[in-house]
Amino acid sequence: MGKAVGRRHTTGDGTGDGVFRVKIKHHSPLRKKARRGFRGYPVATIAFYGPDDRHATKVAVGIVTAEGIEPSDLERWYSDDTDVRTDAGIGQAIVEFIESRGVKSVVIANRIMGCPHEEGTDYPDGQVCPRCSYWAHRDRFSGEVLH
């Protein structure tokens, strides 16, 4: 899989007062779009990442224009203050991003997919992230401890 180019976004005012907090519930626009199932391309894929399996500090949204093709657009949003899954500002930015790309289908990961730091960018290739010991010996897709 080649490296995707994208922009990094950070939200929040740093106060941690929860002004932007809102749960991504079953009636949220993103969940509603995902529940509709496959309606054709382009497809938005939404994956959450965090230092452990409970707190998501990063969300990555890729736009796939056809089957078997790498994402044509990739955007990432970060938050140190809130869980990105409950940040209304990030949720709105994601909705605007996918609508601006004419997305017909949405796929959302049902759990945190791994460490928010990127191998080769935030730490050397072939090593484990020094900041996220939870994921050091876990399979990021199953969450199971590797032996």
Protein backbone atom coordinates (compact mmCIF):
# COMPACT_ATOMS: atom_id res chain seq x y z
CA MET A 1 0.00 0.00 0.00
CA GLY A 2 1.53 3.31 -1.05
CA LYS A 3 1.70 6.36 1.12
CA ALA A 4 -1.35 8.55 0.85
CA VAL A 5 -1.10 12.29 0.85
CA GLY A 6 -3.46 14.20 3.07
CA ARG A 7 -3.82 17.17 5.32
CA ARG A 8 -3.79 17.17 9.09
CA HIS A 9 -6.52 19.00 10.98
CA THR A 10 -6.63 19.82 14.67
CA THR A 11 -9.70 21.17 16.43
CA GLY A 12 -10.56 22.39 19.88
CA ASP A 13 -9.78 25.55 21.70
CA GLY A 14 -7.47 23.88 24.22
CA THR A 15 -9.73 24.54 27.17
CA GLY A 16 -11.09 21.00 27.34
CA ASP A 17 -14.48 22.41 28.35
CA GLY A 18 -16.39 20.01 26.09
CA VAL A 19 -18.10 22.72 24.05
CA PHE A 20 -17.79 20.60 20.89
CA ARG A 21 -18.75 17.28 22.48
CA VAL A 22 -21.58 15.23 21.06
CA LYS A 23 -21.78 11.46 20.76
CA ILE A 24 -21.74 9.90 17.32
CA LYS A 25 -25.02 8.11 17.89
CA HIS A 26 -27.02 5.90 15.60
CA HIS A 27 -28.91 8.95 14.31
CA SER A 28 -25.78 10.94 13.42
CA PRO A 29 -25.37 11.92 9.76
CA LEU A 30 -22.28 9.70 9.42
CA ARG A 31 -23.88 6.62 10.95
CA LYS A 32 -27.01 7.22 8.89
CA LYS A 33 -24.94 7.30 5.69
CA ALA A 34 -23.09 4.11 6.74
CA ARG A 35 -26.35 2.25 7.56
CA ARG A 36 -27.57 2.80 4.01
CA GLY A 37 -25.00 0.27 2.79
CA PHE A 38 -23.18 0.29 -0.52
CA ARG A 39 -24.75 2.73 -2.96
CA GLY A 40 -21.86 2.97 -5.39
CA TYR A 41 -18.63 4.90 -5.71
CA PRO A 42 -17.10 7.09 -4.46
CA VAL A 43 -16.90 5.46 -1.02
CA ALA A 44 -15.70 7.22 2.14
CA THR A 45 -13.81 5.00 4.59
CA ILE A 46 -13.61 6.26 8.16
CA ALA A 47 -11.12 4.79 10.64
CA PHE A 48 -10.35 5.81 14.22
CA TYR A 49 -6.96 5.58 15.94
CA GLY A 50 -5.86 6.13 19.52
CA PRO A 51 -3.21 5.32 22.12
CA ASP A 52 -5.41 2.46 23.37
CA ASP A 53 -8.72 0.79 22.50
CA ARG A 54 -10.88 3.31 24.42
CA HIS A 55 -9.84 6.83 23.40
CA ALA A 56 -9.64 7.91 19.74
CA THR A 57 -7.34 10.88 19.11
CA LYS A 58 -7.25 10.62 15.32
CA VAL A 59 -9.75 9.93 12.54
CA ALA A 60 -8.69 9.27 8.95
CA VAL A 61 -11.16 9.58 6.08
CA GLY A 62 -10.24 8.22 2.68
CA ILE A 63 -12.19 8.62 -0.55
CA VAL A 64 -12.11 5.58 -2.84
CA THR A 65 -13.38 6.31 -6.35
CA ALA A 66 -13.45 2.75 -7.76
CA GLU A 67 -12.94 -0.85 -6.66
CA GLY A 68 -9.30 -1.85 -6.17
CA ILE A 69 -7.97 1.71 -6.27
CA GLU A 70 -6.08 3.47 -3.46
CA PRO A 71 -7.86 6.45 -1.86
CA SER A 72 -7.74 9.53 -4.07
CA ASP A 73 -8.11 11.88 -1.09
CA LEU A 74 -7.10 11.29 2.51
CA GLU A 75 -7.81 13.69 5.34
CA ARG A 76 -6.94 13.30 9.01
CA TRP A 77 -8.31 15.10 12.06
CA TYR A 78 -6.73 15.08 15.53
CA SER A 79 -7.76 16.09 19.01
CA ASP A 80 -5.74 16.07 22.20
CA ASP A 81 -8.70 17.34 24.24
CA THR A 82 -11.60 15.11 23.24
CA ASP A 83 -12.30 11.75 21.72
CA VAL A 84 -12.60 12.46 17.98
CA ARG A 85 -15.68 10.22 17.86
CA THR A 86 -17.52 12.67 20.14
CA ASP A 87 -16.20 15.98 18.74
CA ALA A 88 -19.03 17.74 16.89
CA GLY A 89 -16.61 20.08 15.09
CA ILE A 90 -14.69 17.13 13.67
CA GLY A 91 -17.92 15.32 12.82
CA GLN A 92 -19.17 18.33 10.88
CA ALA A 93 -15.83 18.71 9.08
CA ILE A 94 -16.00 15.05 8.02
CA VAL A 95 -19.55 15.44 6.71
CA GLU A 96 -18.52 18.53 4.72
CA PHE A 97 -15.45 16.73 3.35
CA ILE A 98 -17.35 13.66 2.15
CA GLU A 99 -20.22 15.73 0.73
CA SER A 100 -17.74 17.90 -1.21
CA ARG A 101 -16.39 14.72 -2.83
CA GLY A 102 -19.82 13.45 -3.94
CA VAL A 103 -19.59 10.34 -1.77
CA LYS A 104 -22.37 7.79 -2.32
CA SER A 105 -21.36 5.17 0.31
CA VAL A 106 -19.77 5.39 3.77
CA VAL A 107 -17.93 2.68 5.69
CA ILE A 108 -17.08 3.34 9.36
CA ALA A 109 -14.78 1.16 11.46
CA ASN A 110 -16.65 -0.18 14.49
CA ARG A 111 -13.65 0.21 16.80
CA ILE A 112 -10.29 1.92 17.20
CA MET A 113 -7.96 0.46 14.57
CA GLY A 114 -4.57 1.09 16.19
CA CYS A 115 -1.98 3.66 17.14
CA PRO A 116 -2.54 7.23 15.88
CA HIS A 117 1.14 7.67 15.02
CA GLU A 118 2.36 6.81 11.54
CA GLU A 119 5.22 4.41 10.94
CA GLY A 120 7.95 6.08 8.93
CA THR A 121 6.62 9.54 9.79
CA ASP A 122 6.28 9.65 13.59
CA TYR A 123 8.71 6.80 14.33
CA PRO A 124 11.12 4.67 12.24
CA ASP A 125 9.87 1.99 9.82
CA GLY A 126 9.84 -1.53 11.24
CA GLN A 127 9.66 -0.44 14.88
CA VAL A 128 6.80 -0.16 17.34
CA CYS A 129 5.54 3.24 18.38
CA PRO A 130 7.39 4.37 21.51
CA ARG A 131 4.34 6.36 22.67
CA CYS A 132 1.63 3.70 22.35
CA SER A 133 2.67 0.61 24.30
CA TYR A 134 -0.91 -0.73 24.20
CA TRP A 135 -0.56 -1.46 20.46
CA ALA A 136 3.08 -2.66 20.57
CA HIS A 137 2.18 -6.36 20.41
CA ARG A 138 -1.42 -6.31 19.18
CA ASP A 139 -2.98 -7.01 15.83
CA ARG A 140 -4.59 -3.72 14.84
CA PHE A 141 -7.46 -5.40 13.00
CA SER A 142 -8.50 -7.89 15.68
CA GLY A 143 -7.08 -6.19 18.79
CA GLU A 144 -5.73 -9.59 19.89
CA VAL A 145 -2.34 -9.84 21.59
CA LEU A 146 0.30 -11.29 19.26
CA HIS A 147 2.57 -14.01 20.59
